[in-house]
Amino acid sequence: MTTVDDSAAPRVTVVGATGAVGGTLLELFEERAPRHRDLRLVASARSAGRQIRAAGRDHRVHDLADFDFADTDVAFFAAGAEVSRKWVPPAVAAGALVIDCTPAFRQDKTVPLVVPQVNGALCGARPPVVATPDAGTVPLVRVVDAVAARWPVHRVVVSSYQPASGAGHLGVEELQEGSRLSLQDPHAVLPTEAFAPALAFNVLPCSDDALDEDGFTERERAMRHECRRVLRRPDLDLTTTCVRVPVAHAHCATVWVECGRPVDRAELVALLRSLSGVTVHDGPAAHAPTPLTLGDPDQVHIGRIRVPGHDPTGFWLWLVADGLRCGVALNAVQVLEELVARRAL
């Protein structure tokens, strides 16, 4: 697969190229070949000099501290919020448009928070920075937005089951190591650098420690805020519970959507089936998607669609999506594709 040799195509830099999200971005550049004419990989000093194959050829990893963004048209930032807060301003000052995959700008009302299938039109104004939502937010808003076009959505209740990859490579490695140690010795002391208590063979009912006065975590508040922003519904009644589960990459959620009028299940299933990038697993419960049976990692997978007979003005569904691919990296690449399609570069 080769880079498009086109002087109008954007020159792309990936910051955090050796991390979990950065590596997934490079996989997608290999598979989707988004329009670009140059690709540069950037990471911390400890990764500088490495050779990584991406988009059909080997690339040398550059040290972020010494990198000049003057020859970059689009910079993906996937190295954590602190790195983004420090290095996005100089990248923008050098002329780059930044697609940020971290939490750094998700709460900033001056920065568009974009899921292209929902609010991609925001890319047309060529904002200097485009933020992408959390991995659990992306599949949820795609579904809720489509439903809201057919039925008036009054309330959404979400229980989000979040994977170890939310803490990057360290989170997945800690889950794997903790699982290995637990199988060898049920009383073993497990690593807790990424998660405390340990995540292996465990479920953590709070995905972080910062509880507000109502008992909600920072991640739960952020997910509500992000959904409201992307859906352009600042007053949407949306409640989330974010739970960390011992799964590597897949985000799962049970979702209750309350509408202003009765929902016909057959019509709902047909609507969901019509959505691009969504796979509906309808039928027996055994056919519902799971992290192990996910199939295409770039799809939002939906099952367990239920309209209660006693209250047909709402419905339940079960949602599964690969957090790194569908939830973060693919959404970011689709932002780039949207910018190119709208001639915003």
Protein backbone atom coordinates (compact mmCIF):
# COMPACT_ATOMS: atom_id res chain seq x y z
CA MET A 1 0.00 0.00 0.00
CA THR A 2 1.50 3.34 -1.01
CA THR A 3 1.10 6.94 -0.05
CA VAL A 4 -0.81 9.12 -2.49
CA ASP A 5 1.71 11.24 -4.43
CA ASP A 6 -0.37 14.41 -4.61
CA SER A 7 0.86 17.87 -3.70
CA ALA A 8 -2.62 18.72 -2.41
CA ALA A 9 -2.74 15.73 -0.06
CA PRO A 10 -1.92 16.47 3.59
CA ARG A 11 1.42 15.74 5.22
CA VAL A 12 0.64 13.73 8.35
CA THR A 13 2.45 13.32 11.66
CA VAL A 14 1.47 10.83 14.38
CA VAL A 15 2.58 11.86 17.88
CA GLY A 16 2.64 8.88 20.21
CA ALA A 17 3.27 6.47 17.35
CA THR A 18 4.67 3.75 19.62
CA GLY A 19 1.69 3.74 22.01
CA ALA A 20 -1.53 1.74 21.91
CA VAL A 21 -3.62 4.35 20.07
CA GLY A 22 -0.73 5.47 17.86
CA GLY A 23 -0.01 1.91 16.80
CA THR A 24 -3.66 1.38 15.94
CA LEU A 25 -3.68 4.59 13.89
CA LEU A 26 -0.77 3.21 11.88
CA GLU A 27 -2.63 -0.07 11.31
CA LEU A 28 -5.53 1.92 9.89
CA PHE A 29 -3.23 3.94 7.64
CA GLU A 30 -1.99 0.62 6.28
CA GLU A 31 -5.51 -0.73 5.75
CA ARG A 32 -7.54 2.32 4.71
CA ALA A 33 -4.84 4.37 2.96
CA PRO A 34 -6.39 7.75 3.79
CA ARG A 35 -5.25 10.45 1.39
CA HIS A 36 -1.85 11.80 2.40
CA ARG A 37 1.58 12.37 0.83
CA ASP A 38 3.91 12.02 3.77
CA LEU A 39 3.81 10.25 7.13
CA ARG A 40 6.07 11.04 10.07
CA LEU A 41 6.17 9.19 13.36
CA VAL A 42 6.98 10.96 16.62
CA ALA A 43 7.34 9.69 20.19
CA SER A 44 9.37 10.30 23.34
CA ALA A 45 13.16 10.27 23.46
CA ARG A 46 13.25 6.64 24.59
CA SER A 47 11.58 5.53 21.35
CA ALA A 48 13.45 7.88 19.03
CA GLY A 49 15.43 6.13 16.32
CA ARG A 50 13.21 3.05 16.17
CA GLN A 51 12.07 1.85 12.77
CA ILE A 52 8.35 1.14 12.37
CA ARG A 53 6.65 -0.07 9.23
CA ALA A 54 3.53 1.87 8.29
CA ALA A 55 1.67 2.76 5.09
CA GLY A 56 3.85 0.45 3.03
CA ARG A 57 7.34 1.45 4.16
CA ASP A 58 9.67 1.76 7.13
CA HIS A 59 9.66 5.01 9.11
CA ARG A 60 12.15 6.33 11.64
CA VAL A 61 10.62 7.53 14.91
CA HIS A 62 11.51 11.15 15.73
CA ASP A 63 11.98 12.64 19.19
CA LEU A 64 9.06 14.95 20.01
CA ALA A 65 11.31 17.35 21.91
CA ASP A 66 13.28 18.08 18.71
CA PHE A 67 10.51 17.76 16.13
CA ASP A 68 9.61 20.66 13.82
CA PHE A 69 5.92 20.72 12.85
CA ALA A 70 6.52 23.25 10.05
CA ASP A 71 6.23 20.52 7.40
CA THR A 72 3.09 18.98 8.93
CA ASP A 73 -0.44 19.67 7.68
CA VAL A 74 -2.25 17.30 10.07
CA ALA A 75 -0.91 16.03 13.39
CA PHE A 76 -2.57 13.21 15.30
CA PHE A 77 -1.84 13.46 19.03
CA ALA A 78 -2.12 10.13 20.86
CA ALA A 79 0.47 10.39 23.63
CA GLY A 80 -1.68 11.38 26.60
CA ALA A 81 -3.33 14.57 27.79
CA GLU A 82 -0.21 16.12 29.33
CA VAL A 83 1.72 15.78 26.08
CA SER A 84 -1.17 17.29 24.14
CA ARG A 85 -1.51 20.26 26.48
CA LYS A 86 2.21 21.02 26.10
CA TRP A 87 2.79 20.32 22.41
CA VAL A 88 -0.49 21.01 20.59
CA PRO A 89 -0.11 24.83 20.83
CA PRO A 90 3.34 24.87 19.17
CA ALA A 91 2.12 22.40 16.52
CA VAL A 92 -0.81 24.70 15.71
CA ALA A 93 1.47 27.74 15.72
CA ALA A 94 3.64 25.98 13.13
CA GLY A 95 0.61 25.59 10.87
CA ALA A 96 -0.57 22.06 11.63
CA LEU A 97 -4.21 21.12 12.14
CA VAL A 98 -4.35 18.83 15.18
CA ILE A 99 -6.62 15.82 15.64
CA ASP A 100 -6.33 15.11 19.36
CA CYS A 101 -7.12 11.61 20.64
CA THR A 102 -6.64 12.46 24.32
CA PRO A 103 -8.90 14.06 26.97
CA ALA A 104 -6.92 17.32 26.82
CA PHE A 105 -9.47 19.40 24.87
CA ARG A 106 -12.72 17.45 25.21
CA GLN A 107 -14.09 19.90 27.77
CA ASP A 108 -12.97 23.00 25.83
CA LYS A 109 -16.02 24.59 24.21
CA THR A 110 -13.82 26.38 21.68
CA VAL A 111 -12.57 23.04 20.30
CA PRO A 112 -15.03 20.95 18.26
CA LEU A 113 -15.59 17.43 19.61
CA VAL A 114 -16.25 15.36 16.51
CA VAL A 115 -17.77 12.02 15.58
CA PRO A 116 -17.99 12.34 11.78
CA GLN A 117 -21.21 10.31 11.40
CA VAL A 118 -22.95 12.69 13.83
CA ASN A 119 -21.42 16.17 13.55
CA GLY A 120 -18.82 15.92 10.80
CA ALA A 121 -20.00 19.25 9.38
CA LEU A 122 -17.93 20.95 12.09
CA CYS A 123 -14.83 19.94 10.13
CA GLY A 124 -15.81 22.24 7.28
CA ALA A 125 -14.69 25.34 9.18
CA ARG A 126 -11.11 24.03 9.38
CA PRO A 127 -10.71 24.35 13.14
CA PRO A 128 -7.07 24.44 14.32
CA VAL A 129 -7.78 21.57 16.75
CA VAL A 130 -10.36 18.79 16.52
CA ALA A 131 -10.91 16.70 19.65
CA THR A 132 -12.16 13.13 19.52
CA PRO A 133 -14.32 11.66 22.31
CA ASP A 134 -13.63 8.82 24.71
CA ALA A 135 -13.82 5.32 23.25
CA GLY A 136 -17.10 4.59 25.02
CA THR A 137 -18.75 7.77 23.78
CA VAL A 138 -18.22 7.24 20.05
CA PRO A 139 -20.40 4.15 19.46
CA LEU A 140 -23.06 5.40 21.87
CA VAL A 141 -23.64 8.77 20.19
CA ARG A 142 -23.74 7.18 16.75
CA VAL A 143 -26.66 5.02 17.87
CA VAL A 144 -28.49 7.67 19.89
CA ASP A 145 -28.19 10.24 17.10
CA ALA A 146 -29.78 7.86 14.59
CA VAL A 147 -32.60 6.97 16.97
CA ALA A 148 -33.26 10.65 17.75
CA ALA A 149 -33.89 11.28 14.06
CA ARG A 150 -36.85 8.86 14.24
CA TRP A 151 -38.12 9.13 17.83
CA PRO A 152 -37.84 12.01 20.33
CA VAL A 153 -35.16 10.89 22.81
CA HIS A 154 -35.91 12.12 26.34
CA ARG A 155 -33.55 10.08 28.50
CA VAL A 156 -30.55 7.77 28.18
CA VAL A 157 -29.16 5.48 30.90
CA VAL A 158 -25.85 3.73 30.22
CA SER A 159 -23.83 1.13 32.10
CA SER A 160 -20.43 1.16 30.39
CA TYR A 161 -18.07 -1.80 30.85
CA GLN A 162 -14.61 -0.48 29.99
CA PRO A 163 -11.51 -2.48 29.04
CA ALA A 164 -7.94 -2.50 30.28
CA SER A 165 -6.76 -0.72 27.12
CA GLY A 166 -8.24 2.49 28.53
CA ALA A 167 -4.94 2.68 30.44
CA GLY A 168 -2.89 2.02 27.29
CA HIS A 169 -0.28 -0.69 26.85
CA LEU A 170 0.36 -0.67 30.61
CA GLY A 171 -3.26 -1.52 31.38
CA VAL A 172 -3.36 -4.49 29.02
CA GLU A 173 0.04 -5.77 30.14
CA GLU A 174 -0.96 -5.47 33.80
CA LEU A 175 -4.19 -7.41 33.16
CA GLN A 176 -2.26 -10.16 31.37
CA GLU A 177 0.43 -10.37 34.06
CA GLY A 178 -2.11 -10.30 36.89
CA SER A 179 -4.13 -13.06 35.23
CA ARG A 180 -1.01 -15.20 34.83
CA LEU A 181 0.01 -14.72 38.46
CA SER A 182 -3.52 -15.45 39.73
CA LEU A 183 -3.69 -18.71 37.80
CA GLN A 184 -0.35 -19.76 39.26
CA ASP A 185 -1.24 -18.74 42.82
CA PRO A 186 -4.69 -17.49 43.96
CA HIS A 187 -2.98 -15.62 46.82
CA ALA A 188 -0.33 -13.90 44.70
CA VAL A 189 0.31 -10.18 45.07
CA LEU A 190 -0.89 -8.65 41.82
CA PRO A 191 0.44 -5.53 40.07
CA THR A 192 -1.61 -2.38 40.70
CA GLU A 193 0.24 0.36 38.82
CA ALA A 194 -2.53 0.86 36.25
CA PHE A 195 -5.50 -0.32 38.31
CA ALA A 196 -6.07 -0.49 42.04
CA PRO A 197 -7.45 -2.85 43.18
CA ALA A 198 -5.98 -5.24 40.62
CA LEU A 199 -8.15 -5.84 37.55
CA ALA A 200 -7.32 -9.50 36.87
CA PHE A 201 -10.39 -11.69 37.58
CA ASN A 202 -12.04 -8.63 39.08
CA VAL A 203 -14.61 -5.93 38.32
CA LEU A 204 -13.97 -2.36 39.47
CA PRO A 205 -17.24 -0.47 40.04
CA CYS A 206 -15.50 2.92 39.83
CA SER A 207 -13.28 3.48 36.80
CA ASP A 208 -11.42 6.26 38.65
CA ASP A 209 -11.20 7.68 42.16
CA ALA A 210 -12.44 11.25 41.68
CA LEU A 211 -16.01 11.18 43.01
CA ASP A 212 -18.16 14.30 43.00
CA GLU A 213 -20.66 15.19 45.73
CA ASP A 214 -23.30 13.04 43.99
CA GLY A 215 -21.00 10.02 43.84
CA PHE A 216 -20.20 10.13 40.11
CA THR A 217 -16.67 9.61 38.84
CA GLU A 218 -14.76 11.98 36.62
CA ARG A 219 -15.08 9.52 33.73
CA GLU A 220 -18.86 9.31 34.19
CA ARG A 221 -19.18 13.08 34.21
CA ALA A 222 -16.96 13.34 31.15
CA MET A 223 -18.95 10.76 29.21
CA ARG A 224 -22.19 12.64 29.90
CA HIS A 225 -20.60 15.94 28.86
CA GLU A 226 -19.13 14.46 25.67
CA CYS A 227 -22.42 12.87 24.61
CA ARG A 228 -24.27 16.13 25.15
CA ARG A 229 -21.68 18.08 23.14
CA VAL A 230 -21.55 15.72 20.17
CA LEU A 231 -25.34 15.32 20.04
CA ARG A 232 -25.85 19.08 20.45
CA ARG A 233 -28.20 18.34 23.35
CA PRO A 234 -26.74 20.27 26.33
CA ASP A 235 -29.73 19.40 28.54
CA LEU A 236 -30.09 15.74 27.55
CA ASP A 237 -30.98 13.61 30.59
CA LEU A 238 -28.12 11.11 30.41
CA THR A 239 -26.79 9.04 33.30
CA THR A 240 -23.73 6.81 33.10
CA THR A 241 -22.09 4.18 35.26
CA CYS A 242 -18.53 3.34 34.15
CA VAL A 243 -17.16 -0.01 35.31
CA ARG A 244 -13.69 -1.40 34.58
CA VAL A 245 -13.75 -5.07 33.53
CA PRO A 246 -10.95 -7.61 32.85
CA VAL A 247 -11.18 -7.41 29.05
CA ALA A 248 -8.33 -6.26 26.81
CA HIS A 249 -9.90 -3.95 24.22
CA ALA A 250 -13.69 -4.19 23.85
CA HIS A 251 -16.03 -1.56 25.26
CA CYS A 252 -19.44 -2.97 26.20
CA ALA A 253 -22.56 -1.18 27.38
CA THR A 254 -26.16 -1.74 28.31
CA VAL A 255 -28.19 1.22 27.08
CA TRP A 256 -31.74 2.33 27.95
CA VAL A 257 -33.21 4.95 25.62
CA GLU A 258 -36.48 6.57 26.68
CA CYS A 259 -38.49 8.15 23.88
CA GLY A 260 -41.47 10.46 23.72
CA ARG A 261 -43.69 7.97 21.92
CA PRO A 262 -43.97 4.19 21.51
CA VAL A 263 -41.14 2.43 19.68
CA ASP A 264 -41.89 -0.36 17.24
CA ARG A 265 -39.18 -3.01 17.65
CA ALA A 266 -39.17 -4.09 14.01
CA GLU A 267 -38.80 -0.48 12.91
CA LEU A 268 -36.00 0.03 15.42
CA VAL A 269 -34.10 -3.05 14.23
CA ALA A 270 -34.48 -1.95 10.60
CA LEU A 271 -33.18 1.51 11.47
CA LEU A 272 -30.12 0.13 13.26
CA ARG A 273 -29.41 -2.29 10.40
CA SER A 274 -29.45 0.63 7.95
CA LEU A 275 -26.61 2.46 9.70
CA SER A 276 -23.18 2.40 8.11
CA GLY A 277 -20.58 0.87 10.41
CA VAL A 278 -23.17 -0.91 12.58
CA THR A 279 -23.80 -4.67 12.75
CA VAL A 280 -27.02 -5.87 14.39
CA HIS A 281 -26.98 -9.33 15.97
CA ASP A 282 -30.70 -10.04 16.29
CA GLY A 283 -32.11 -13.35 17.46
CA PRO A 284 -31.37 -15.67 20.40
CA ALA A 285 -29.36 -14.29 23.31
CA ALA A 286 -26.55 -16.68 22.37
CA HIS A 287 -26.06 -14.62 19.19
CA ALA A 288 -25.43 -11.38 21.08
CA PRO A 289 -21.96 -9.90 20.46
CA THR A 290 -19.24 -10.35 23.08
CA PRO A 291 -15.62 -9.24 23.30
CA LEU A 292 -14.52 -12.72 22.20
CA THR A 293 -16.96 -12.93 19.28
CA LEU A 294 -16.71 -9.34 18.14
CA GLY A 295 -15.91 -9.99 14.50
CA ASP A 296 -15.14 -6.83 12.53
CA PRO A 297 -13.32 -4.50 14.98
CA ASP A 298 -14.32 -1.42 12.99
CA GLN A 299 -18.05 -2.00 13.47
CA VAL A 300 -20.38 -1.06 16.32
CA HIS A 301 -22.03 -4.35 17.29
CA ILE A 302 -25.56 -4.32 18.73
CA GLY A 303 -27.66 -7.10 20.26
CA ARG A 304 -30.28 -7.82 22.95
CA ILE A 305 -32.70 -5.25 21.50
CA ARG A 306 -35.75 -5.15 23.78
CA VAL A 307 -38.86 -2.99 23.84
CA PRO A 308 -40.68 -3.70 27.15
CA GLY A 309 -44.31 -4.65 26.70
CA HIS A 310 -45.29 -2.71 29.83
CA ASP A 311 -43.53 0.45 28.59
CA PRO A 312 -43.04 0.59 24.80
CA THR A 313 -41.87 4.21 24.93
CA GLY A 314 -38.30 3.03 25.48
CA PHE A 315 -35.92 0.23 24.62
CA TRP A 316 -32.84 -1.60 25.84
CA LEU A 317 -29.88 -2.70 23.78
CA TRP A 318 -26.45 -4.24 24.28
CA LEU A 319 -23.54 -2.56 22.53
CA VAL A 320 -19.98 -3.81 21.93
CA ALA A 321 -17.15 -2.04 20.10
CA ASP A 322 -13.38 -2.36 19.95
CA GLY A 323 -12.19 0.56 22.04
CA LEU A 324 -8.87 1.15 20.30
CA ARG A 325 -10.14 0.69 16.74
CA CYS A 326 -13.79 1.76 16.50
CA GLY A 327 -13.75 3.91 19.63
CA VAL A 328 -10.61 6.00 19.11
CA ALA A 329 -8.30 5.40 16.15
CA LEU A 330 -10.92 4.80 13.45
CA ASN A 331 -12.90 7.84 14.57
CA ALA A 332 -9.73 9.95 14.34
CA VAL A 333 -8.89 8.67 10.85
CA GLN A 334 -12.47 9.34 9.78
CA VAL A 335 -12.04 12.92 11.02
CA LEU A 336 -9.05 13.22 8.66
CA GLU A 337 -11.12 11.75 5.82
CA GLU A 338 -13.91 14.22 6.62
CA LEU A 339 -11.49 17.15 6.57
CA VAL A 340 -10.14 16.04 3.19
CA ALA A 341 -13.64 15.50 1.77
CA ARG A 342 -14.71 18.97 2.89
CA ARG A 343 -11.53 20.53 1.47
CA ALA A 344 -10.68 21.88 4.91
CA LEU A 345 -6.96 21.18 4.50
